Amino acid sequence: MQTLADLLNTIPAIDPAAMSRAQRHIDGLLKPVGSLGRLEALAIQLAGMPGLNGIPHVGKKAVLVMCADHGVWEEGVAISPKEVTAIQAENMTRGTTGVCVLAAQAGANVYVIDVGIDTAEPIPGLSTCVLLEVVAILLQLRQ
């Protein structure tokens, strides 16, 4: 009879070089370092697993990213000023953000939707569904 210890001994060791490459790649993406939290650590662990080839087939996939400001910077609850929203939305249309890299790895299309980015400049490649005006009215009602 095979014991758990015997079974565990058959698992190959992780590949530290692959994990290091994954860490450098993730840190080089256009996003704040560590901003994907546990997902970053999981991606690095997966990169270190030898023989990880069994990826299940899933049909057509998509990631919808809704971008907006909604006045939260002024409320003091956002970590970045509102100008970062437009910059990151544009970066997403170029495929250079963490979510875009993860989506590409999964074979998913990324659709970036402006639901209230507070910018005067149009951002090419965005779908638009502006909610900013509605939020401004709600903030006025609250006063």
N, C-alpha and C. Protein backbone atom coordinates (compact mmCIF):
# COMPACT_ATOMS: atom_id res chain seq x y z
N MET A 1 0.84 -1.18 0.00
CA MET A 1 0.00 0.00 0.00
C MET A 1 0.89 1.25 0.00
N GLN A 2 0.53 2.20 -0.87
CA GLN A 2 1.30 3.44 -0.97
C GLN A 2 0.85 4.42 0.11
N THR A 3 1.81 5.00 0.79
CA THR A 3 1.48 5.98 1.84
C THR A 3 1.45 7.38 1.24
N LEU A 4 0.91 8.30 2.00
CA LEU A 4 0.89 9.70 1.58
C LEU A 4 2.31 10.22 1.38
N ALA A 5 3.21 9.83 2.26
CA ALA A 5 4.61 10.26 2.14
C ALA A 5 5.22 9.76 0.83
N ASP A 6 4.91 8.49 0.46
CA ASP A 6 5.40 7.95 -0.81
C ASP A 6 4.87 8.76 -1.99
N LEU A 7 3.59 9.08 -1.94
CA LEU A 7 2.96 9.85 -3.00
C LEU A 7 3.56 11.25 -3.10
N LEU A 8 3.75 11.89 -1.96
CA LEU A 8 4.33 13.24 -1.94
C LEU A 8 5.74 13.25 -2.50
N ASN A 9 6.48 12.17 -2.27
CA ASN A 9 7.85 12.08 -2.78
C ASN A 9 7.91 11.99 -4.31
N THR A 10 6.79 11.67 -4.96
CA THR A 10 6.77 11.58 -6.43
C THR A 10 6.54 12.94 -7.08
N ILE A 11 6.17 13.93 -6.30
CA ILE A 11 5.91 15.27 -6.85
C ILE A 11 7.24 15.96 -7.09
N PRO A 12 7.49 16.40 -8.34
CA PRO A 12 8.77 17.06 -8.61
C PRO A 12 8.88 18.40 -7.89
N ALA A 13 10.11 18.80 -7.65
CA ALA A 13 10.36 20.08 -6.97
C ALA A 13 9.95 21.24 -7.88
N ILE A 14 9.64 22.36 -7.25
CA ILE A 14 9.29 23.56 -8.01
C ILE A 14 10.52 24.08 -8.75
N ASP A 15 10.28 24.89 -9.76
CA ASP A 15 11.36 25.47 -10.56
C ASP A 15 11.57 26.92 -10.13
N PRO A 16 12.55 27.18 -9.24
CA PRO A 16 12.76 28.54 -8.75
C PRO A 16 13.09 29.54 -9.85
N ALA A 17 13.79 29.09 -10.89
CA ALA A 17 14.12 30.00 -11.99
C ALA A 17 12.86 30.46 -12.72
N ALA A 18 11.93 29.53 -12.94
CA ALA A 18 10.66 29.88 -13.60
C ALA A 18 9.86 30.84 -12.72
N MET A 19 9.89 30.61 -11.42
CA MET A 19 9.17 31.49 -10.50
C MET A 19 9.79 32.89 -10.50
N SER A 20 11.10 32.95 -10.56
CA SER A 20 11.79 34.24 -10.60
C SER A 20 11.46 35.00 -11.88
N ARG A 21 11.43 34.27 -13.01
CA ARG A 21 11.06 34.91 -14.28
C ARG A 21 9.62 35.43 -14.22
N ALA A 22 8.73 34.65 -13.64
CA ALA A 22 7.33 35.07 -13.51
C ALA A 22 7.22 36.31 -12.63
N GLN A 23 7.97 36.34 -11.53
CA GLN A 23 7.94 37.50 -10.63
C GLN A 23 8.40 38.76 -11.37
N ARG A 24 9.50 38.64 -12.11
CA ARG A 24 10.01 39.81 -12.86
C ARG A 24 9.00 40.27 -13.91
N HIS A 25 8.37 39.31 -14.57
CA HIS A 25 7.38 39.65 -15.60
C HIS A 25 6.18 40.37 -14.97
N ILE A 26 5.66 39.82 -13.88
CA ILE A 26 4.50 40.43 -13.21
C ILE A 26 4.85 41.82 -12.70
N ASP A 27 6.02 41.98 -12.11
CA ASP A 27 6.43 43.29 -11.59
C ASP A 27 6.64 44.30 -12.71
N GLY A 28 6.90 43.83 -13.93
CA GLY A 28 7.12 44.73 -15.06
C GLY A 28 5.86 45.17 -15.76
N LEU A 29 4.70 44.63 -15.36
CA LEU A 29 3.44 45.03 -15.99
C LEU A 29 3.04 46.43 -15.54
N LEU A 30 2.24 47.10 -16.36
CA LEU A 30 1.78 48.46 -16.04
C LEU A 30 0.67 48.40 -15.00
N LYS A 31 1.08 48.31 -13.76
CA LYS A 31 0.16 48.26 -12.62
C LYS A 31 0.99 48.53 -11.38
N PRO A 32 0.37 48.98 -10.32
CA PRO A 32 1.15 49.12 -9.08
C PRO A 32 1.68 47.76 -8.63
N VAL A 33 2.94 47.72 -8.19
CA VAL A 33 3.55 46.46 -7.75
C VAL A 33 2.71 45.86 -6.62
N GLY A 34 2.37 44.59 -6.77
CA GLY A 34 1.59 43.89 -5.76
C GLY A 34 0.10 44.14 -5.80
N SER A 35 -0.39 44.92 -6.77
CA SER A 35 -1.80 45.33 -6.76
C SER A 35 -2.77 44.20 -7.07
N LEU A 36 -2.29 43.10 -7.62
CA LEU A 36 -3.18 41.97 -7.88
C LEU A 36 -3.25 41.01 -6.69
N GLY A 37 -2.56 41.37 -5.62
CA GLY A 37 -2.66 40.62 -4.37
C GLY A 37 -2.32 39.15 -4.50
N ARG A 38 -3.17 38.33 -3.94
CA ARG A 38 -2.96 36.88 -3.90
C ARG A 38 -2.83 36.27 -5.30
N LEU A 39 -3.47 36.90 -6.28
CA LEU A 39 -3.41 36.39 -7.64
C LEU A 39 -1.98 36.39 -8.17
N GLU A 40 -1.19 37.40 -7.80
CA GLU A 40 0.21 37.44 -8.23
C GLU A 40 0.98 36.27 -7.63
N ALA A 41 0.81 36.02 -6.35
CA ALA A 41 1.51 34.91 -5.69
C ALA A 41 1.10 33.58 -6.31
N LEU A 42 -0.17 33.43 -6.62
CA LEU A 42 -0.66 32.19 -7.23
C LEU A 42 -0.05 32.00 -8.62
N ALA A 43 0.03 33.07 -9.41
CA ALA A 43 0.62 32.98 -10.75
C ALA A 43 2.08 32.56 -10.66
N ILE A 44 2.78 33.09 -9.68
CA ILE A 44 4.20 32.75 -9.51
C ILE A 44 4.35 31.28 -9.10
N GLN A 45 3.49 30.81 -8.20
CA GLN A 45 3.53 29.40 -7.80
C GLN A 45 3.24 28.50 -9.00
N LEU A 46 2.23 28.86 -9.78
CA LEU A 46 1.89 28.05 -10.96
C LEU A 46 3.05 28.00 -11.95
N ALA A 47 3.73 29.13 -12.12
CA ALA A 47 4.87 29.17 -13.04
C ALA A 47 5.96 28.20 -12.60
N GLY A 48 6.08 27.96 -11.31
CA GLY A 48 7.12 27.08 -10.79
C GLY A 48 6.77 25.61 -10.82
N MET A 49 5.54 25.26 -11.15
CA MET A 49 5.13 23.85 -11.16
C MET A 49 5.57 23.19 -12.46
N PRO A 50 6.45 22.20 -12.37
CA PRO A 50 6.89 21.52 -13.58
C PRO A 50 5.77 20.66 -14.16
N GLY A 51 5.71 20.62 -15.49
CA GLY A 51 4.75 19.74 -16.16
C GLY A 51 3.31 20.20 -16.11
N LEU A 52 3.06 21.45 -15.81
CA LEU A 52 1.67 21.94 -15.74
C LEU A 52 1.18 22.20 -17.16
N ASN A 53 0.64 21.16 -17.78
CA ASN A 53 0.18 21.28 -19.16
C ASN A 53 -1.32 21.10 -19.30
N GLY A 54 -1.98 20.55 -18.34
CA GLY A 54 -3.39 20.22 -18.45
C GLY A 54 -4.32 21.40 -18.24
N ILE A 55 -4.44 22.24 -19.26
CA ILE A 55 -5.34 23.39 -19.16
C ILE A 55 -6.66 22.99 -19.80
N PRO A 56 -7.76 23.02 -19.05
CA PRO A 56 -9.05 22.61 -19.62
C PRO A 56 -9.50 23.58 -20.71
N HIS A 57 -10.19 23.06 -21.70
CA HIS A 57 -10.70 23.91 -22.78
C HIS A 57 -12.00 24.58 -22.35
N VAL A 58 -12.00 25.87 -22.47
CA VAL A 58 -13.21 26.65 -22.24
C VAL A 58 -13.43 27.42 -23.53
N GLY A 59 -14.69 27.51 -23.98
CA GLY A 59 -14.98 28.22 -25.23
C GLY A 59 -14.57 29.68 -25.19
N LYS A 60 -15.19 30.47 -26.01
CA LYS A 60 -14.85 31.89 -26.11
C LYS A 60 -15.00 32.57 -24.75
N LYS A 61 -13.96 33.35 -24.39
CA LYS A 61 -13.94 34.00 -23.08
C LYS A 61 -13.77 35.50 -23.26
N ALA A 62 -14.26 36.26 -22.29
CA ALA A 62 -14.10 37.72 -22.33
C ALA A 62 -13.98 38.26 -20.92
N VAL A 63 -13.24 39.35 -20.82
CA VAL A 63 -13.12 40.10 -19.57
C VAL A 63 -13.67 41.49 -19.85
N LEU A 64 -14.67 41.90 -19.08
CA LEU A 64 -15.22 43.25 -19.20
C LEU A 64 -14.63 44.10 -18.09
N VAL A 65 -13.97 45.19 -18.46
CA VAL A 65 -13.39 46.09 -17.47
C VAL A 65 -14.15 47.41 -17.54
N MET A 66 -14.83 47.74 -16.46
CA MET A 66 -15.60 48.98 -16.39
C MET A 66 -14.74 50.03 -15.68
N CYS A 67 -14.47 51.14 -16.35
CA CYS A 67 -13.58 52.17 -15.81
C CYS A 67 -14.37 53.42 -15.47
N ALA A 68 -14.15 53.95 -14.27
CA ALA A 68 -14.87 55.16 -13.85
C ALA A 68 -14.15 55.83 -12.70
N ASP A 69 -14.46 57.09 -12.53
CA ASP A 69 -13.94 57.85 -11.39
C ASP A 69 -15.01 58.04 -10.32
N HIS A 70 -16.15 58.55 -10.68
CA HIS A 70 -17.30 58.70 -9.79
C HIS A 70 -17.05 59.52 -8.54
N GLY A 71 -16.05 60.38 -8.56
CA GLY A 71 -15.84 61.28 -7.44
C GLY A 71 -15.24 60.66 -6.21
N VAL A 72 -14.78 59.42 -6.27
CA VAL A 72 -14.25 58.80 -5.05
C VAL A 72 -12.90 59.37 -4.64
N TRP A 73 -12.13 59.92 -5.58
CA TRP A 73 -10.86 60.56 -5.21
C TRP A 73 -11.14 61.74 -4.29
N GLU A 74 -12.13 62.53 -4.66
CA GLU A 74 -12.48 63.69 -3.85
C GLU A 74 -13.00 63.29 -2.46
N GLU A 75 -13.54 62.09 -2.36
CA GLU A 75 -14.05 61.59 -1.08
C GLU A 75 -12.93 61.01 -0.21
N GLY A 76 -11.74 60.89 -0.78
CA GLY A 76 -10.59 60.38 -0.02
C GLY A 76 -10.56 58.88 0.16
N VAL A 77 -11.23 58.13 -0.72
CA VAL A 77 -11.25 56.67 -0.56
C VAL A 77 -10.52 55.93 -1.67
N ALA A 78 -9.92 56.65 -2.62
CA ALA A 78 -9.19 56.00 -3.71
C ALA A 78 -7.69 56.10 -3.44
N ILE A 79 -6.94 55.11 -3.92
CA ILE A 79 -5.49 55.12 -3.69
C ILE A 79 -4.74 55.94 -4.73
N SER A 80 -5.38 56.22 -5.86
CA SER A 80 -4.72 56.96 -6.93
C SER A 80 -5.60 58.12 -7.37
N PRO A 81 -4.99 59.22 -7.82
CA PRO A 81 -5.80 60.33 -8.32
C PRO A 81 -6.57 59.93 -9.58
N LYS A 82 -7.62 60.67 -9.87
CA LYS A 82 -8.50 60.29 -10.97
C LYS A 82 -7.81 60.26 -12.32
N GLU A 83 -6.72 60.99 -12.51
CA GLU A 83 -6.00 60.97 -13.78
C GLU A 83 -5.48 59.57 -14.12
N VAL A 84 -5.23 58.77 -13.11
CA VAL A 84 -4.72 57.41 -13.32
C VAL A 84 -5.77 56.54 -14.02
N THR A 85 -7.05 56.83 -13.79
CA THR A 85 -8.10 56.03 -14.43
C THR A 85 -7.99 56.10 -15.95
N ALA A 86 -7.87 57.31 -16.49
CA ALA A 86 -7.76 57.47 -17.95
C ALA A 86 -6.49 56.82 -18.47
N ILE A 87 -5.40 56.97 -17.74
CA ILE A 87 -4.12 56.38 -18.16
C ILE A 87 -4.24 54.86 -18.20
N GLN A 88 -4.80 54.27 -17.15
CA GLN A 88 -4.92 52.81 -17.11
C GLN A 88 -5.92 52.30 -18.15
N ALA A 89 -7.00 53.05 -18.38
CA ALA A 89 -7.96 52.64 -19.41
C ALA A 89 -7.28 52.60 -20.77
N GLU A 90 -6.49 53.62 -21.07
CA GLU A 90 -5.76 53.64 -22.34
C GLU A 90 -4.74 52.50 -22.40
N ASN A 91 -4.06 52.23 -21.30
CA ASN A 91 -3.12 51.11 -21.26
C ASN A 91 -3.83 49.79 -21.54
N MET A 92 -5.06 49.65 -21.03
CA MET A 92 -5.81 48.42 -21.28
C MET A 92 -6.16 48.27 -22.75
N THR A 93 -6.46 49.38 -23.44
CA THR A 93 -6.75 49.27 -24.87
C THR A 93 -5.53 48.82 -25.65
N ARG A 94 -4.36 49.01 -25.09
CA ARG A 94 -3.10 48.58 -25.72
C ARG A 94 -2.69 47.17 -25.29
N GLY A 95 -3.37 46.62 -24.30
CA GLY A 95 -3.05 45.27 -23.83
C GLY A 95 -1.84 45.20 -22.93
N THR A 96 -1.49 46.31 -22.25
CA THR A 96 -0.25 46.34 -21.47
C THR A 96 -0.46 46.35 -19.96
N THR A 97 -1.62 45.96 -19.49
CA THR A 97 -1.87 45.93 -18.05
C THR A 97 -1.91 44.48 -17.57
N GLY A 98 -1.89 44.32 -16.26
CA GLY A 98 -1.93 42.98 -15.68
C GLY A 98 -3.14 42.19 -16.11
N VAL A 99 -4.32 42.81 -16.10
CA VAL A 99 -5.54 42.09 -16.48
C VAL A 99 -5.47 41.66 -17.94
N CYS A 100 -4.86 42.47 -18.80
CA CYS A 100 -4.74 42.11 -20.22
C CYS A 100 -3.82 40.92 -20.42
N VAL A 101 -2.72 40.89 -19.69
CA VAL A 101 -1.79 39.77 -19.80
C VAL A 101 -2.46 38.49 -19.30
N LEU A 102 -3.17 38.58 -18.18
CA LEU A 102 -3.87 37.40 -17.66
C LEU A 102 -4.94 36.94 -18.64
N ALA A 103 -5.69 37.88 -19.21
CA ALA A 103 -6.73 37.54 -20.18
C ALA A 103 -6.12 36.87 -21.41
N ALA A 104 -5.02 37.42 -21.91
CA ALA A 104 -4.36 36.84 -23.08
C ALA A 104 -3.90 35.42 -22.79
N GLN A 105 -3.35 35.21 -21.61
CA GLN A 105 -2.90 33.87 -21.22
C GLN A 105 -4.07 32.89 -21.21
N ALA A 106 -5.24 33.38 -20.84
CA ALA A 106 -6.43 32.52 -20.79
C ALA A 106 -7.16 32.47 -22.12
N GLY A 107 -6.67 33.23 -23.11
CA GLY A 107 -7.33 33.26 -24.41
C GLY A 107 -8.61 34.07 -24.41
N ALA A 108 -8.69 35.06 -23.53
CA ALA A 108 -9.90 35.88 -23.41
C ALA A 108 -9.69 37.25 -24.05
N ASN A 109 -10.73 37.77 -24.65
CA ASN A 109 -10.71 39.14 -25.16
C ASN A 109 -11.00 40.09 -24.01
N VAL A 110 -10.40 41.28 -24.05
CA VAL A 110 -10.65 42.30 -23.03
C VAL A 110 -11.45 43.42 -23.68
N TYR A 111 -12.57 43.77 -23.06
CA TYR A 111 -13.39 44.88 -23.51
C TYR A 111 -13.36 45.94 -22.42
N VAL A 112 -12.87 47.12 -22.77
CA VAL A 112 -12.73 48.21 -21.81
C VAL A 112 -13.90 49.17 -22.03
N ILE A 113 -14.65 49.42 -20.96
CA ILE A 113 -15.87 50.22 -21.07
C ILE A 113 -15.77 51.43 -20.15
N ASP A 114 -15.95 52.61 -20.73
CA ASP A 114 -15.96 53.86 -19.98
C ASP A 114 -17.35 54.05 -19.40
N VAL A 115 -17.45 53.91 -18.10
CA VAL A 115 -18.74 54.15 -17.42
C VAL A 115 -18.67 55.39 -16.54
N GLY A 116 -17.71 56.27 -16.85
CA GLY A 116 -17.62 57.51 -16.10
C GLY A 116 -16.22 57.99 -15.83
N ILE A 117 -15.33 57.88 -16.82
CA ILE A 117 -13.98 58.40 -16.65
C ILE A 117 -14.06 59.92 -16.77
N ASP A 118 -13.52 60.61 -15.80
CA ASP A 118 -13.58 62.07 -15.75
C ASP A 118 -12.39 62.66 -16.52
N THR A 119 -12.52 62.69 -17.85
CA THR A 119 -11.48 63.26 -18.70
C THR A 119 -12.12 63.94 -19.89
N ALA A 120 -11.52 65.03 -20.34
CA ALA A 120 -12.03 65.74 -21.51
C ALA A 120 -11.55 65.09 -22.81
N GLU A 121 -10.45 64.37 -22.74
CA GLU A 121 -9.86 63.76 -23.93
C GLU A 121 -10.50 62.40 -24.20
N PRO A 122 -10.91 62.16 -25.45
CA PRO A 122 -11.44 60.83 -25.78
C PRO A 122 -10.32 59.79 -25.74
N ILE A 123 -10.67 58.59 -25.36
CA ILE A 123 -9.70 57.49 -25.31
C ILE A 123 -10.09 56.50 -26.40
N PRO A 124 -9.27 56.38 -27.45
CA PRO A 124 -9.60 55.47 -28.54
C PRO A 124 -9.70 54.03 -28.05
N GLY A 125 -10.66 53.30 -28.60
CA GLY A 125 -10.79 51.89 -28.29
C GLY A 125 -11.73 51.57 -27.14
N LEU A 126 -12.31 52.61 -26.51
CA LEU A 126 -13.22 52.36 -25.39
C LEU A 126 -14.66 52.35 -25.87
N SER A 127 -15.46 51.48 -25.30
CA SER A 127 -16.91 51.58 -25.42
C SER A 127 -17.35 52.53 -24.33
N THR A 128 -18.44 53.26 -24.55
CA THR A 128 -18.83 54.27 -23.58
C THR A 128 -20.25 54.05 -23.08
N CYS A 129 -20.42 54.15 -21.78
CA CYS A 129 -21.72 54.13 -21.11
C CYS A 129 -21.55 55.03 -19.90
N VAL A 130 -21.68 56.34 -20.10
CA VAL A 130 -21.30 57.31 -19.08
C VAL A 130 -22.32 57.37 -17.95
N LEU A 131 -21.84 57.13 -16.74
CA LEU A 131 -22.67 57.20 -15.54
C LEU A 131 -22.25 58.36 -14.64
N LEU A 132 -21.17 59.05 -15.01
CA LEU A 132 -20.61 60.09 -14.16
C LEU A 132 -21.63 61.17 -13.82
N GLU A 133 -22.45 61.56 -14.81
CA GLU A 133 -23.44 62.59 -14.55
C GLU A 133 -24.45 62.14 -13.49
N VAL A 134 -24.84 60.89 -13.54
CA VAL A 134 -25.79 60.35 -12.56
C VAL A 134 -25.18 60.39 -11.17
N VAL A 135 -23.93 60.00 -11.05
CA VAL A 135 -23.27 60.00 -9.75
C VAL A 135 -23.13 61.42 -9.22
N ALA A 136 -22.82 62.38 -10.09
CA ALA A 136 -22.72 63.78 -9.66
C ALA A 136 -24.04 64.26 -9.06
N ILE A 137 -25.13 63.88 -9.69
CA ILE A 137 -26.45 64.25 -9.16
C ILE A 137 -26.67 63.60 -7.80
N LEU A 138 -26.30 62.33 -7.67
CA LEU A 138 -26.47 61.64 -6.39
C LEU A 138 -25.64 62.29 -5.29
N LEU A 139 -24.42 62.71 -5.62
CA LEU A 139 -23.58 63.37 -4.62
C LEU A 139 -24.18 64.70 -4.19
N GLN A 140 -24.79 65.42 -5.12
CA GLN A 140 -25.44 66.69 -4.78
C GLN A 140 -26.65 66.45 -3.87
N LEU A 141 -27.39 65.39 -4.14
CA LEU A 141 -28.57 65.07 -3.32
C LEU A 141 -28.18 64.73 -1.89
N ARG A 142 -27.02 64.18 -1.73
CA ARG A 142 -26.55 63.74 -0.42
C ARG A 142 -26.19 64.92 0.48
N GLN A 143 -25.90 66.07 -0.10
CA GLN A 143 -25.46 67.24 0.68
C GLN A 143 -26.60 67.95 1.35
